[in-house]
N, C-alpha and C. Protein backbone atom coordinates (compact mmCIF):
# COMPACT_ATOMS: atom_id res chain seq x y z
N MET A 1 0.85 -1.19 0.00
CA MET A 1 0.00 0.00 0.00
C MET A 1 0.89 1.25 0.00
N THR A 2 0.63 2.15 -0.91
CA THR A 2 1.43 3.36 -1.00
C THR A 2 1.01 4.38 0.05
N THR A 3 1.85 5.39 0.25
CA THR A 3 1.52 6.44 1.21
C THR A 3 0.24 7.14 0.81
N GLY A 4 0.05 7.38 -0.48
CA GLY A 4 -1.17 8.03 -0.95
C GLY A 4 -2.41 7.20 -0.65
N GLU A 5 -2.30 5.89 -0.81
CA GLU A 5 -3.42 5.01 -0.50
C GLU A 5 -3.73 5.03 0.99
N ARG A 6 -2.67 5.05 1.81
CA ARG A 6 -2.88 5.12 3.27
C ARG A 6 -3.56 6.43 3.64
N LYS A 7 -3.14 7.53 3.00
CA LYS A 7 -3.74 8.83 3.28
C LYS A 7 -5.23 8.81 2.90
N GLN A 8 -5.54 8.25 1.73
CA GLN A 8 -6.93 8.18 1.29
C GLN A 8 -7.76 7.34 2.25
N LEU A 9 -7.21 6.21 2.68
CA LEU A 9 -7.92 5.33 3.62
C LEU A 9 -8.15 6.05 4.94
N LEU A 10 -7.14 6.78 5.41
CA LEU A 10 -7.28 7.52 6.66
C LEU A 10 -8.41 8.54 6.56
N PHE A 11 -8.46 9.30 5.47
CA PHE A 11 -9.52 10.29 5.31
C PHE A 11 -10.89 9.63 5.23
N GLN A 12 -10.98 8.47 4.54
CA GLN A 12 -12.26 7.77 4.47
C GLN A 12 -12.72 7.36 5.87
N ARG A 13 -11.78 6.87 6.68
CA ARG A 13 -12.13 6.45 8.04
C ARG A 13 -12.50 7.65 8.90
N LEU A 14 -11.79 8.76 8.74
CA LEU A 14 -12.12 9.95 9.51
C LEU A 14 -13.52 10.45 9.16
N MET A 15 -13.87 10.44 7.89
CA MET A 15 -15.19 10.92 7.46
C MET A 15 -16.30 9.99 7.92
N ALA A 16 -15.99 8.70 8.09
CA ALA A 16 -17.01 7.72 8.46
C ALA A 16 -17.21 7.64 9.97
N VAL A 17 -16.31 8.27 10.71
CA VAL A 17 -16.33 8.12 12.17
C VAL A 17 -16.76 9.41 12.86
N ASN A 18 -17.70 9.28 13.79
CA ASN A 18 -18.11 10.43 14.59
C ASN A 18 -17.74 10.24 16.05
N ASP A 19 -16.95 9.22 16.33
CA ASP A 19 -16.56 8.90 17.70
C ASP A 19 -15.34 9.75 18.08
N GLU A 20 -15.55 10.75 18.93
CA GLU A 20 -14.45 11.66 19.27
C GLU A 20 -13.28 10.93 19.90
N ARG A 21 -13.57 9.89 20.66
CA ARG A 21 -12.48 9.16 21.32
C ARG A 21 -11.58 8.51 20.28
N LEU A 22 -12.17 7.93 19.23
CA LEU A 22 -11.36 7.30 18.18
C LEU A 22 -10.57 8.37 17.42
N LEU A 23 -11.20 9.52 17.18
CA LEU A 23 -10.48 10.59 16.50
C LEU A 23 -9.28 11.05 17.33
N GLU A 24 -9.46 11.09 18.65
CA GLU A 24 -8.34 11.47 19.51
C GLU A 24 -7.23 10.44 19.42
N ASP A 25 -7.60 9.15 19.34
CA ASP A 25 -6.58 8.10 19.21
C ASP A 25 -5.81 8.26 17.91
N ILE A 26 -6.52 8.56 16.82
CA ILE A 26 -5.87 8.75 15.52
C ILE A 26 -4.92 9.95 15.59
N GLU A 27 -5.40 11.03 16.22
CA GLU A 27 -4.56 12.23 16.33
C GLU A 27 -3.30 11.92 17.14
N ALA A 28 -3.46 11.14 18.22
CA ALA A 28 -2.30 10.78 19.04
C ALA A 28 -1.30 9.96 18.22
N LEU A 29 -1.81 9.04 17.39
CA LEU A 29 -0.92 8.24 16.56
C LEU A 29 -0.16 9.14 15.58
N LEU A 30 -0.86 10.11 14.99
CA LEU A 30 -0.20 11.02 14.06
C LEU A 30 0.85 11.85 14.79
N ASN A 31 0.54 12.28 16.02
CA ASN A 31 1.49 13.09 16.78
C ASN A 31 2.74 12.30 17.13
N ASN A 32 2.62 10.97 17.19
CA ASN A 32 3.78 10.14 17.52
C ASN A 32 4.66 9.89 16.30
N ARG A 33 4.18 10.22 15.11
CA ARG A 33 4.98 10.04 13.90
C ARG A 33 5.91 11.25 13.75
N CYS A 34 6.81 11.18 12.80
CA CYS A 34 7.73 12.30 12.62
C CYS A 34 6.95 13.51 12.09
N PRO A 35 7.38 14.73 12.40
CA PRO A 35 6.65 15.95 12.01
C PRO A 35 6.36 16.03 10.52
N ASP A 36 7.26 15.54 9.68
CA ASP A 36 7.03 15.60 8.24
C ASP A 36 5.80 14.78 7.86
N ASP A 37 5.60 13.63 8.52
CA ASP A 37 4.43 12.81 8.23
C ASP A 37 3.16 13.53 8.65
N VAL A 38 3.19 14.18 9.81
CA VAL A 38 2.01 14.90 10.29
C VAL A 38 1.66 16.02 9.31
N LEU A 39 2.67 16.77 8.87
CA LEU A 39 2.43 17.84 7.92
C LEU A 39 1.85 17.29 6.62
N TYR A 40 2.32 16.10 6.20
CA TYR A 40 1.82 15.50 4.97
C TYR A 40 0.33 15.19 5.10
N PHE A 41 -0.07 14.60 6.23
CA PHE A 41 -1.46 14.20 6.39
C PHE A 41 -2.39 15.40 6.43
N PHE A 42 -1.92 16.53 6.95
CA PHE A 42 -2.81 17.67 7.12
C PHE A 42 -2.61 18.74 6.05
N SER A 43 -1.76 18.46 5.06
CA SER A 43 -1.53 19.44 4.01
C SER A 43 -2.60 19.33 2.93
């Protein structure tokens, strides 16, 4: 799976989820990645 595919899958999951707790978990995972990855996901 390419980075672009992972990004698309992440956005699909974010749009399908209204559970704030799960969104917080996803945000925490992103914060644990290197800053360049975080900037990529939110650019």
